Amino acid sequence: MTPLRAGGLANPGGPAYNLSVSGRLDQQTNPDHVLSTSEPKASRAKVHLAAPDRLIWLVVGGIVLWGVWAFGSELMLNLRLNHEVQSLRQGNAQLAASNDQTRKQLTVAGSPAAMEEAARKAGFARPGEQVYVIVKPGGSASPAAAGGSASPGVQPGATARRGAGKRDGGVIGAIEDFWRNLWH
């Protein structure tokens, strides 16, 4: 038998000492207070989620995820801005073409022939010039067109305007016009 020390414990290397620490006789272990060992402990070890090596990997993983997210968001922003630039360039090209067309129209409209044509369409004539108006035949002929004389104070355009005013005037006429133009 091994001699006991004063504390009642056997030799630290003997089987009785190992029994008091781990409870197993077949495996020789170091006591819990000894930290520098290459052998696994026989007792249950606690799993620490915040162990330094795991904490480092979590931080590195977080940094990698943040980098991927930042790169992806910058890539999406770049794609959206490139699309916007392309659409603005197309709009600029359309506006430039429209500006060229408007300039051509202004130069043509500024010519004396175009001014005379616009004045004739508005009903103007040169002094001493005889104007012939070609009228398309209609269902009812006005008295002036049939050879009779119109009433002295009424001009032919005024009667046409009054007839149009009866048709277009009022709430019912506005509703009829709205209904006719709704599907056209």
N, C-alpha and C. Protein backbone atom coordinates (compact mmCIF):
# COMPACT_ATOMS: atom_id res chain seq x y z
N MET A 1 0.83 -1.16 0.00
CA MET A 1 0.00 0.00 0.00
C MET A 1 0.88 1.22 0.00
N THR A 2 0.41 2.32 -0.60
CA THR A 2 1.21 3.53 -0.67
C THR A 2 1.02 4.32 0.60
N PRO A 3 2.10 4.92 1.02
CA PRO A 3 1.98 5.71 2.26
C PRO A 3 1.13 6.96 2.02
N LEU A 4 0.36 7.34 3.00
CA LEU A 4 -0.50 8.52 2.94
C LEU A 4 0.24 9.72 3.49
N ARG A 5 -0.05 10.81 2.95
CA ARG A 5 0.53 12.05 3.45
C ARG A 5 -0.32 12.57 4.58
N ALA A 6 0.04 13.73 5.03
CA ALA A 6 -0.65 14.31 6.19
C ALA A 6 -2.09 14.67 5.85
N GLY A 7 -2.38 15.04 4.62
CA GLY A 7 -3.73 15.43 4.23
C GLY A 7 -4.62 14.25 3.95
N GLY A 8 -4.12 13.07 3.97
CA GLY A 8 -4.90 11.88 3.72
C GLY A 8 -4.94 11.49 2.27
N LEU A 9 -4.18 12.16 1.42
CA LEU A 9 -4.17 11.83 0.00
C LEU A 9 -2.94 11.01 -0.31
N ALA A 10 -3.11 10.16 -1.27
CA ALA A 10 -1.99 9.31 -1.68
C ALA A 10 -1.06 10.10 -2.57
N ASN A 11 -0.06 9.42 -3.04
CA ASN A 11 0.92 10.01 -3.94
C ASN A 11 0.20 10.50 -5.19
N PRO A 12 0.50 11.75 -5.71
CA PRO A 12 -0.20 12.28 -6.87
C PRO A 12 -0.07 11.40 -8.09
N GLY A 13 0.92 10.59 -8.21
CA GLY A 13 1.07 9.72 -9.37
C GLY A 13 0.39 8.39 -9.17
N GLY A 14 -0.07 8.09 -7.98
CA GLY A 14 -0.62 6.77 -7.69
C GLY A 14 -2.10 6.67 -8.06
N PRO A 15 -2.61 5.44 -8.04
CA PRO A 15 -3.98 5.20 -8.45
C PRO A 15 -5.01 5.80 -7.49
N ALA A 16 -4.75 5.90 -6.25
CA ALA A 16 -5.71 6.45 -5.31
C ALA A 16 -5.92 7.95 -5.56
N TYR A 17 -4.88 8.66 -5.95
CA TYR A 17 -5.01 10.09 -6.24
C TYR A 17 -5.89 10.28 -7.47
N ASN A 18 -5.66 9.48 -8.49
CA ASN A 18 -6.46 9.59 -9.70
C ASN A 18 -7.92 9.25 -9.44
N LEU A 19 -8.17 8.36 -8.54
CA LEU A 19 -9.54 8.00 -8.20
C LEU A 19 -10.25 9.16 -7.55
N SER A 20 -9.55 9.92 -6.75
CA SER A 20 -10.19 11.02 -6.06
C SER A 20 -10.52 12.17 -7.02
N VAL A 21 -9.80 12.30 -8.14
CA VAL A 21 -10.03 13.41 -9.05
C VAL A 21 -11.01 13.04 -10.15
N SER A 22 -10.78 11.94 -10.85
CA SER A 22 -11.59 11.64 -12.01
C SER A 22 -12.55 10.49 -11.78
N GLY A 23 -12.30 9.68 -10.87
CA GLY A 23 -13.16 8.55 -10.61
C GLY A 23 -12.87 7.36 -11.48
N ARG A 24 -11.84 7.41 -12.29
CA ARG A 24 -11.49 6.28 -13.15
C ARG A 24 -10.13 5.75 -12.75
N LEU A 25 -10.05 4.46 -12.64
CA LEU A 25 -8.78 3.86 -12.24
C LEU A 25 -7.91 3.49 -13.43
N ASP A 26 -8.52 3.27 -14.60
CA ASP A 26 -7.77 2.78 -15.75
C ASP A 26 -7.03 3.89 -16.51
N GLN A 27 -7.36 5.14 -16.28
CA GLN A 27 -6.71 6.23 -16.99
C GLN A 27 -6.08 7.18 -15.99
N GLN A 28 -4.81 7.42 -16.22
CA GLN A 28 -4.11 8.33 -15.34
C GLN A 28 -4.33 9.75 -15.85
N THR A 29 -4.82 10.66 -15.02
CA THR A 29 -5.12 12.04 -15.42
C THR A 29 -4.43 13.00 -14.51
N ASN A 30 -4.41 14.22 -14.96
CA ASN A 30 -3.86 15.29 -14.13
C ASN A 30 -5.01 15.94 -13.37
N PRO A 31 -4.72 16.51 -12.24
CA PRO A 31 -5.79 17.18 -11.49
C PRO A 31 -6.32 18.40 -12.24
N ASP A 32 -7.50 18.89 -11.83
CA ASP A 32 -8.14 20.02 -12.50
C ASP A 32 -7.34 21.31 -12.40
N HIS A 33 -6.53 21.46 -11.35
CA HIS A 33 -5.80 22.70 -11.19
C HIS A 33 -4.55 22.77 -12.05
N VAL A 34 -4.18 21.69 -12.74
CA VAL A 34 -3.02 21.69 -13.61
C VAL A 34 -3.52 22.04 -15.03
N LEU A 35 -3.00 23.14 -15.59
CA LEU A 35 -3.49 23.64 -16.88
C LEU A 35 -2.63 23.20 -18.05
N SER A 36 -1.36 23.02 -17.87
CA SER A 36 -0.49 22.72 -19.01
C SER A 36 -0.38 21.21 -19.18
N THR A 37 -1.22 20.70 -20.03
CA THR A 37 -1.18 19.27 -20.32
C THR A 37 -1.57 19.05 -21.77
N SER A 38 -1.08 17.99 -22.35
CA SER A 38 -1.44 17.65 -23.71
C SER A 38 -2.52 16.59 -23.75
N GLU A 39 -2.85 16.03 -22.60
CA GLU A 39 -3.87 14.99 -22.54
C GLU A 39 -5.25 15.63 -22.33
N PRO A 40 -6.29 15.04 -22.90
CA PRO A 40 -7.63 15.57 -22.65
C PRO A 40 -8.06 15.29 -21.22
N LYS A 41 -8.87 16.18 -20.71
CA LYS A 41 -9.36 15.98 -19.35
C LYS A 41 -10.40 14.88 -19.35
N ALA A 42 -10.44 14.13 -18.30
CA ALA A 42 -11.40 13.06 -18.21
C ALA A 42 -12.77 13.60 -17.80
N SER A 43 -12.80 14.75 -17.13
CA SER A 43 -14.08 15.31 -16.71
C SER A 43 -14.72 16.05 -17.88
N ARG A 44 -15.99 16.33 -17.72
CA ARG A 44 -16.70 17.05 -18.79
C ARG A 44 -16.20 18.49 -18.88
N ALA A 45 -15.88 18.92 -20.10
CA ALA A 45 -15.43 20.30 -20.30
C ALA A 45 -16.60 21.11 -20.84
N LYS A 46 -16.71 22.37 -20.43
CA LYS A 46 -17.78 23.25 -20.90
C LYS A 46 -17.38 23.82 -22.26
N VAL A 47 -18.38 23.90 -23.16
CA VAL A 47 -18.15 24.49 -24.46
C VAL A 47 -18.42 25.98 -24.32
N HIS A 48 -17.44 26.78 -24.65
CA HIS A 48 -17.56 28.23 -24.55
C HIS A 48 -17.79 28.80 -25.95
N LEU A 49 -18.94 29.45 -26.14
CA LEU A 49 -19.20 30.06 -27.43
C LEU A 49 -18.35 31.29 -27.65
N ALA A 50 -17.95 31.93 -26.60
CA ALA A 50 -17.17 33.15 -26.72
C ALA A 50 -15.69 32.87 -26.53
N ALA A 51 -15.25 31.70 -26.92
CA ALA A 51 -13.84 31.40 -26.84
C ALA A 51 -13.09 32.33 -27.78
N PRO A 52 -11.86 32.68 -27.44
CA PRO A 52 -11.14 33.66 -28.27
C PRO A 52 -11.00 33.25 -29.73
N ASP A 53 -10.76 31.99 -30.02
CA ASP A 53 -10.59 31.59 -31.42
C ASP A 53 -11.93 31.68 -32.17
N ARG A 54 -13.02 31.31 -31.53
CA ARG A 54 -14.33 31.43 -32.17
C ARG A 54 -14.73 32.90 -32.34
N LEU A 55 -14.40 33.70 -31.37
CA LEU A 55 -14.72 35.12 -31.44
C LEU A 55 -13.99 35.78 -32.61
N ILE A 56 -12.75 35.39 -32.82
CA ILE A 56 -11.98 35.94 -33.94
C ILE A 56 -12.63 35.54 -35.27
N TRP A 57 -13.05 34.28 -35.38
CA TRP A 57 -13.68 33.82 -36.61
C TRP A 57 -15.02 34.52 -36.84
N LEU A 58 -15.78 34.77 -35.78
CA LEU A 58 -17.04 35.50 -35.91
C LEU A 58 -16.80 36.92 -36.39
N VAL A 59 -15.78 37.58 -35.86
CA VAL A 59 -15.47 38.95 -36.28
C VAL A 59 -15.02 38.95 -37.74
N VAL A 60 -14.17 38.01 -38.11
CA VAL A 60 -13.69 37.92 -39.49
C VAL A 60 -14.87 37.64 -40.43
N GLY A 61 -15.75 36.71 -40.03
CA GLY A 61 -16.93 36.42 -40.85
C GLY A 61 -17.83 37.63 -40.99
N GLY A 62 -18.02 38.40 -39.91
CA GLY A 62 -18.83 39.62 -39.98
C GLY A 62 -18.21 40.65 -40.91
N ILE A 63 -16.91 40.79 -40.86
CA ILE A 63 -16.23 41.74 -41.73
C ILE A 63 -16.36 41.30 -43.19
N VAL A 64 -16.23 40.01 -43.46
CA VAL A 64 -16.37 39.50 -44.82
C VAL A 64 -17.80 39.74 -45.33
N LEU A 65 -18.80 39.44 -44.50
CA LEU A 65 -20.19 39.68 -44.91
C LEU A 65 -20.44 41.15 -45.18
N TRP A 66 -19.93 42.02 -44.32
CA TRP A 66 -20.08 43.46 -44.54
C TRP A 66 -19.42 43.89 -45.84
N GLY A 67 -18.26 43.35 -46.14
CA GLY A 67 -17.56 43.68 -47.39
C GLY A 67 -18.34 43.21 -48.61
N VAL A 68 -18.91 42.01 -48.55
CA VAL A 68 -19.71 41.51 -49.67
C VAL A 68 -20.94 42.38 -49.85
N TRP A 69 -21.60 42.74 -48.76
CA TRP A 69 -22.79 43.59 -48.84
C TRP A 69 -22.43 44.97 -49.41
N ALA A 70 -21.34 45.56 -48.93
CA ALA A 70 -20.94 46.88 -49.42
C ALA A 70 -20.59 46.83 -50.91
N PHE A 71 -19.86 45.80 -51.32
CA PHE A 71 -19.51 45.66 -52.73
C PHE A 71 -20.76 45.47 -53.58
N GLY A 72 -21.68 44.64 -53.12
CA GLY A 72 -22.92 44.41 -53.87
C GLY A 72 -23.76 45.66 -53.98
N SER A 73 -23.86 46.42 -52.91
CA SER A 73 -24.67 47.64 -52.97
C SER A 73 -24.02 48.68 -53.89
N GLU A 74 -22.71 48.78 -53.86
CA GLU A 74 -22.03 49.70 -54.78
C GLU A 74 -22.18 49.25 -56.23
N LEU A 75 -22.16 47.94 -56.45
CA LEU A 75 -22.35 47.42 -57.80
C LEU A 75 -23.75 47.73 -58.30
N MET A 76 -24.76 47.55 -57.45
CA MET A 76 -26.14 47.86 -57.84
C MET A 76 -26.30 49.36 -58.11
N LEU A 77 -25.70 50.19 -57.28
CA LEU A 77 -25.76 51.63 -57.49
C LEU A 77 -25.11 52.01 -58.82
N ASN A 78 -23.98 51.40 -59.12
CA ASN A 78 -23.28 51.67 -60.37
C ASN A 78 -24.13 51.26 -61.57
N LEU A 79 -24.77 50.10 -61.49
CA LEU A 79 -25.62 49.65 -62.59
C LEU A 79 -26.81 50.58 -62.79
N ARG A 80 -27.43 51.01 -61.67
CA ARG A 80 -28.59 51.91 -61.77
C ARG A 80 -28.18 53.26 -62.36
N LEU A 81 -27.04 53.78 -61.94
CA LEU A 81 -26.58 55.07 -62.46
C LEU A 81 -26.19 54.97 -63.93
N ASN A 82 -25.60 53.85 -64.34
CA ASN A 82 -25.26 53.66 -65.77
C ASN A 82 -26.52 53.62 -66.62
N HIS A 83 -27.56 52.96 -66.10
CA HIS A 83 -28.84 52.92 -66.83
C HIS A 83 -29.44 54.32 -66.93
N GLU A 84 -29.35 55.08 -65.85
CA GLU A 84 -29.88 56.45 -65.86
C GLU A 84 -29.10 57.33 -66.84
N VAL A 85 -27.79 57.18 -66.88
CA VAL A 85 -26.96 57.95 -67.80
C VAL A 85 -27.33 57.61 -69.25
N GLN A 86 -27.54 56.32 -69.51
CA GLN A 86 -27.90 55.91 -70.86
C GLN A 86 -29.25 56.50 -71.28
N SER A 87 -30.23 56.46 -70.37
CA SER A 87 -31.54 57.02 -70.72
C SER A 87 -31.46 58.54 -70.90
N LEU A 88 -30.65 59.23 -70.10
CA LEU A 88 -30.49 60.67 -70.26
C LEU A 88 -29.79 61.01 -71.58
N ARG A 89 -28.82 60.19 -71.99
CA ARG A 89 -28.17 60.43 -73.27
C ARG A 89 -29.14 60.24 -74.43
N GLN A 90 -30.02 59.23 -74.33
CA GLN A 90 -31.02 59.04 -75.36
C GLN A 90 -31.99 60.23 -75.39
N GLY A 91 -32.37 60.72 -74.22
CA GLY A 91 -33.24 61.90 -74.16
C GLY A 91 -32.57 63.12 -74.75
N ASN A 92 -31.29 63.29 -74.49
CA ASN A 92 -30.54 64.41 -75.07
C ASN A 92 -30.49 64.31 -76.59
N ALA A 93 -30.30 63.10 -77.11
CA ALA A 93 -30.25 62.92 -78.56
C ALA A 93 -31.61 63.25 -79.18
N GLN A 94 -32.70 62.85 -78.52
CA GLN A 94 -34.02 63.17 -79.02
C GLN A 94 -34.28 64.68 -78.99
N LEU A 95 -33.85 65.33 -77.92
CA LEU A 95 -34.03 66.78 -77.82
C LEU A 95 -33.19 67.51 -78.87
N ALA A 96 -32.00 67.01 -79.14
CA ALA A 96 -31.17 67.64 -80.17
C ALA A 96 -31.83 67.52 -81.55
N ALA A 97 -32.40 66.35 -81.83
CA ALA A 97 -33.10 66.17 -83.11
C ALA A 97 -34.33 67.08 -83.18
N SER A 98 -35.05 67.19 -82.08
CA SER A 98 -36.22 68.08 -82.04
C SER A 98 -35.81 69.53 -82.21
N ASN A 99 -34.70 69.93 -81.60
CA ASN A 99 -34.21 71.30 -81.76
C ASN A 99 -33.83 71.59 -83.21
N ASP A 100 -33.19 70.63 -83.86
CA ASP A 100 -32.83 70.82 -85.28
C ASP A 100 -34.07 70.98 -86.14
N GLN A 101 -35.08 70.14 -85.88
CA GLN A 101 -36.32 70.22 -86.65
C GLN A 101 -37.02 71.56 -86.41
N THR A 102 -37.02 72.04 -85.17
CA THR A 102 -37.65 73.33 -84.85
C THR A 102 -36.90 74.47 -85.52
N ARG A 103 -35.57 74.41 -85.55
CA ARG A 103 -34.79 75.45 -86.23
C ARG A 103 -35.12 75.50 -87.72
N LYS A 104 -35.26 74.32 -88.33
CA LYS A 104 -35.61 74.28 -89.75
C LYS A 104 -37.00 74.88 -89.98
N GLN A 105 -37.94 74.55 -89.09
CA GLN A 105 -39.28 75.10 -89.23
C GLN A 105 -39.28 76.62 -89.05
N LEU A 106 -38.46 77.12 -88.13
CA LEU A 106 -38.39 78.57 -87.92
C LEU A 106 -37.79 79.28 -89.13
N THR A 107 -36.78 78.69 -89.74
CA THR A 107 -36.20 79.34 -90.92
C THR A 107 -37.18 79.33 -92.08
N VAL A 108 -37.94 78.23 -92.23
CA VAL A 108 -38.94 78.17 -93.30
C VAL A 108 -40.07 79.14 -93.00
N ALA A 109 -40.54 79.19 -91.75
CA ALA A 109 -41.66 80.06 -91.39
C ALA A 109 -41.28 81.54 -91.47
N GLY A 110 -40.03 81.84 -91.34
CA GLY A 110 -39.58 83.23 -91.41
C GLY A 110 -39.46 83.74 -92.83
N SER A 111 -39.62 82.90 -93.81
CA SER A 111 -39.50 83.33 -95.21
C SER A 111 -40.76 84.10 -95.62
N PRO A 112 -40.64 85.03 -96.58
CA PRO A 112 -41.81 85.82 -97.02
C PRO A 112 -42.93 84.95 -97.60
N ALA A 113 -42.59 83.87 -98.27
CA ALA A 113 -43.62 83.01 -98.86
C ALA A 113 -44.46 82.33 -97.78
N ALA A 114 -43.81 81.89 -96.71
CA ALA A 114 -44.54 81.24 -95.62
C ALA A 114 -45.43 82.24 -94.89
N MET A 115 -44.96 83.48 -94.74
CA MET A 115 -45.78 84.51 -94.09
C MET A 115 -47.02 84.83 -94.92
N GLU A 116 -46.84 84.91 -96.25
CA GLU A 116 -47.98 85.19 -97.12
C GLU A 116 -48.99 84.05 -97.07
N GLU A 117 -48.50 82.83 -97.05
CA GLU A 117 -49.40 81.67 -96.98
C GLU A 117 -50.20 81.66 -95.68
N ALA A 118 -49.54 81.97 -94.57
CA ALA A 118 -50.24 82.02 -93.29
C ALA A 118 -51.27 83.13 -93.27
N ALA A 119 -50.95 84.28 -93.87
CA ALA A 119 -51.89 85.39 -93.92
C ALA A 119 -53.10 85.03 -94.78
N ARG A 120 -52.89 84.36 -95.89
CA ARG A 120 -54.02 83.97 -96.75
C ARG A 120 -54.91 82.95 -96.05
N LYS A 121 -54.32 82.03 -95.28
CA LYS A 121 -55.13 81.08 -94.53
C LYS A 121 -55.96 81.77 -93.46
N ALA A 122 -55.46 82.87 -92.95
CA ALA A 122 -56.20 83.64 -91.93
C ALA A 122 -57.27 84.52 -92.57
N GLY A 123 -57.30 84.60 -93.91
CA GLY A 123 -58.35 85.37 -94.59
C GLY A 123 -57.91 86.73 -95.07
N PHE A 124 -56.64 87.04 -95.05
CA PHE A 124 -56.16 88.33 -95.53
C PHE A 124 -55.92 88.28 -97.02
N ALA A 125 -56.03 89.46 -97.65
CA ALA A 125 -55.77 89.58 -99.09
C ALA A 125 -55.06 90.90 -99.33
N ARG A 126 -54.37 90.99 -100.46
CA ARG A 126 -53.68 92.23 -100.80
C ARG A 126 -54.70 93.24 -101.28
N PRO A 127 -54.37 94.52 -101.14
CA PRO A 127 -55.31 95.54 -101.62
C PRO A 127 -55.52 95.43 -103.13
N GLY A 128 -56.79 95.50 -103.54
CA GLY A 128 -57.12 95.44 -104.97
C GLY A 128 -57.17 94.03 -105.52
N GLU A 129 -56.95 93.04 -104.73
CA GLU A 129 -56.93 91.65 -105.20
C GLU A 129 -58.32 91.06 -105.05
N GLN A 130 -58.78 90.33 -106.04
CA GLN A 130 -60.06 89.66 -105.94
C GLN A 130 -59.83 88.26 -105.39
N VAL A 131 -60.61 87.90 -104.36
CA VAL A 131 -60.45 86.60 -103.70
C VAL A 131 -61.63 85.73 -104.08
N TYR A 132 -61.36 84.56 -104.53
CA TYR A 132 -62.39 83.59 -104.85
C TYR A 132 -62.37 82.50 -103.77
N VAL A 133 -63.53 82.25 -103.20
CA VAL A 133 -63.64 81.23 -102.16
C VAL A 133 -64.35 80.04 -102.77
N ILE A 134 -63.75 78.91 -102.71
CA ILE A 134 -64.36 77.69 -103.24
C ILE A 134 -65.09 77.02 -102.09
N VAL A 135 -66.38 76.80 -102.32
CA VAL A 135 -67.24 76.22 -101.29
C VAL A 135 -67.65 74.84 -101.74
N LYS A 136 -67.58 73.89 -100.85
CA LYS A 136 -68.03 72.54 -101.17
C LYS A 136 -69.54 72.50 -101.07
N PRO A 137 -70.19 71.84 -101.98
CA PRO A 137 -71.66 71.81 -101.93
C PRO A 137 -72.12 71.03 -100.71
N GLY A 138 -73.19 71.53 -100.08
CA GLY A 138 -73.73 70.88 -98.89
C GLY A 138 -75.17 70.51 -99.12
N GLY A 139 -75.83 69.94 -98.09
CA GLY A 139 -77.22 69.52 -98.18
C GLY A 139 -78.16 70.70 -98.29
N SER A 140 -77.94 71.77 -97.55
CA SER A 140 -78.81 72.94 -97.60
C SER A 140 -77.98 74.13 -98.01
N ALA A 141 -78.45 74.82 -99.02
CA ALA A 141 -77.71 75.98 -99.52
C ALA A 141 -78.20 77.22 -98.80
N SER A 142 -77.26 78.09 -98.47
CA SER A 142 -77.64 79.36 -97.84
C SER A 142 -78.26 80.26 -98.89
N PRO A 143 -79.07 81.26 -98.51
CA PRO A 143 -79.69 82.14 -99.51
C PRO A 143 -78.67 82.89 -100.34
N ALA A 144 -77.51 83.23 -99.79
CA ALA A 144 -76.51 83.96 -100.56
C ALA A 144 -75.89 83.06 -101.62
N ALA A 145 -75.71 81.80 -101.32
CA ALA A 145 -75.11 80.88 -102.28
C ALA A 145 -76.11 80.50 -103.35
N ALA A 146 -77.41 80.51 -103.03
CA ALA A 146 -78.43 80.13 -104.00
C ALA A 146 -78.76 81.28 -104.95
N GLY A 147 -78.22 82.43 -104.72
CA GLY A 147 -78.47 83.56 -105.61
C GLY A 147 -79.36 84.60 -104.97
N GLY A 148 -79.97 84.28 -103.86
CA GLY A 148 -80.82 85.26 -103.17
C GLY A 148 -79.97 86.12 -102.28
N SER A 149 -80.56 87.12 -101.73
CA SER A 149 -79.80 87.99 -100.86
C SER A 149 -80.05 87.60 -99.42
N ALA A 150 -79.02 87.73 -98.61
CA ALA A 150 -79.15 87.45 -97.19
C ALA A 150 -79.77 88.66 -96.52
N SER A 151 -80.26 88.49 -95.36
CA SER A 151 -80.82 89.64 -94.64
C SER A 151 -79.75 90.69 -94.47
N PRO A 152 -80.10 92.00 -94.52
CA PRO A 152 -79.09 93.05 -94.61
C PRO A 152 -78.17 93.13 -93.40
N GLY A 153 -78.60 92.86 -92.22
CA GLY A 153 -77.70 93.04 -91.06
C GLY A 153 -76.96 91.78 -90.68
N VAL A 154 -77.22 90.69 -91.35
CA VAL A 154 -76.64 89.41 -90.94
C VAL A 154 -75.68 88.94 -92.01
N GLN A 155 -74.49 88.56 -91.60
CA GLN A 155 -73.52 88.02 -92.53
C GLN A 155 -73.64 86.49 -92.51
N PRO A 156 -73.24 85.82 -93.57
CA PRO A 156 -73.39 84.36 -93.62
C PRO A 156 -72.60 83.65 -92.53
N GLY A 157 -71.42 84.13 -92.17
CA GLY A 157 -70.62 83.49 -91.11
C GLY A 157 -71.29 83.61 -89.76
N ALA A 158 -72.05 84.68 -89.54
CA ALA A 158 -72.69 84.88 -88.24
C ALA A 158 -73.80 83.86 -88.03
N THR A 159 -74.56 83.54 -89.10
CA THR A 159 -75.62 82.54 -88.92
C THR A 159 -75.01 81.17 -88.64
N ALA A 160 -73.89 80.90 -89.27
CA ALA A 160 -73.24 79.61 -89.02
C ALA A 160 -72.74 79.55 -87.58
N ARG A 161 -72.23 80.66 -87.09
CA ARG A 161 -71.73 80.67 -85.71
C ARG A 161 -72.87 80.51 -84.72
N ARG A 162 -74.01 81.14 -85.02
CA ARG A 162 -75.14 81.01 -84.09
C ARG A 162 -75.65 79.58 -84.06
N GLY A 163 -75.71 78.92 -85.21
CA GLY A 163 -76.15 77.53 -85.25
C GLY A 163 -75.19 76.64 -84.48
N ALA A 164 -73.91 76.91 -84.62
CA ALA A 164 -72.92 76.12 -83.88
C ALA A 164 -73.04 76.41 -82.39
N GLY A 165 -73.40 77.65 -82.05
CA GLY A 165 -73.54 78.01 -80.64
C GLY A 165 -74.70 77.28 -80.00
N LYS A 166 -75.80 77.06 -80.76
CA LYS A 166 -76.93 76.32 -80.20
C LYS A 166 -76.55 74.88 -79.94
N ARG A 167 -75.78 74.32 -80.86
CA ARG A 167 -75.39 72.93 -80.69
C ARG A 167 -74.35 72.77 -79.58
N ASP A 168 -73.39 73.69 -79.51
CA ASP A 168 -72.31 73.57 -78.55
C ASP A 168 -72.61 74.22 -77.21
N GLY A 169 -73.63 75.02 -77.12
CA GLY A 169 -73.87 75.76 -75.89
C GLY A 169 -74.54 74.93 -74.83
N GLY A 170 -74.37 75.33 -73.60
CA GLY A 170 -75.08 74.71 -72.50
C GLY A 170 -74.42 73.46 -71.97
N VAL A 171 -75.00 72.98 -70.90
CA VAL A 171 -74.46 71.81 -70.22
C VAL A 171 -74.70 70.56 -71.06
N ILE A 172 -75.88 70.46 -71.67
CA ILE A 172 -76.21 69.26 -72.45
C ILE A 172 -75.29 69.16 -73.65
N GLY A 173 -75.01 70.28 -74.31
CA GLY A 173 -74.08 70.27 -75.45
C GLY A 173 -72.68 69.86 -75.02
N ALA A 174 -72.25 70.33 -73.85
CA ALA A 174 -70.92 69.95 -73.37
C ALA A 174 -70.86 68.45 -73.06
N ILE A 175 -71.95 67.92 -72.49
CA ILE A 175 -71.98 66.48 -72.19
C ILE A 175 -71.99 65.68 -73.49
N GLU A 176 -72.77 66.14 -74.50
CA GLU A 176 -72.78 65.44 -75.78
C GLU A 176 -71.41 65.44 -76.42
N ASP A 177 -70.73 66.59 -76.40
CA ASP A 177 -69.38 66.66 -76.97
C ASP A 177 -68.42 65.74 -76.23
N PHE A 178 -68.53 65.73 -74.90
CA PHE A 178 -67.67 64.85 -74.10
C PHE A 178 -67.92 63.40 -74.48
N TRP A 179 -69.19 63.01 -74.59
CA TRP A 179 -69.54 61.63 -74.89
C TRP A 179 -69.06 61.23 -76.28
N ARG A 180 -69.17 62.14 -77.27
CA ARG A 180 -68.71 61.84 -78.62
C ARG A 180 -67.19 61.70 -78.67
N ASN A 181 -66.49 62.54 -77.94
CA ASN A 181 -65.03 62.54 -77.98
C ASN A 181 -64.41 61.55 -77.01
N LEU A 182 -65.22 60.89 -76.21
CA LEU A 182 -64.69 59.97 -75.21
C LEU A 182 -64.01 58.78 -75.87
N TRP A 183 -64.55 58.27 -76.94
CA TRP A 183 -64.03 57.07 -77.54
C TRP A 183 -63.18 57.35 -78.76
N HIS A 184 -62.91 58.60 -79.07
CA HIS A 184 -62.13 58.94 -80.25
C HIS A 184 -60.80 59.48 -79.87
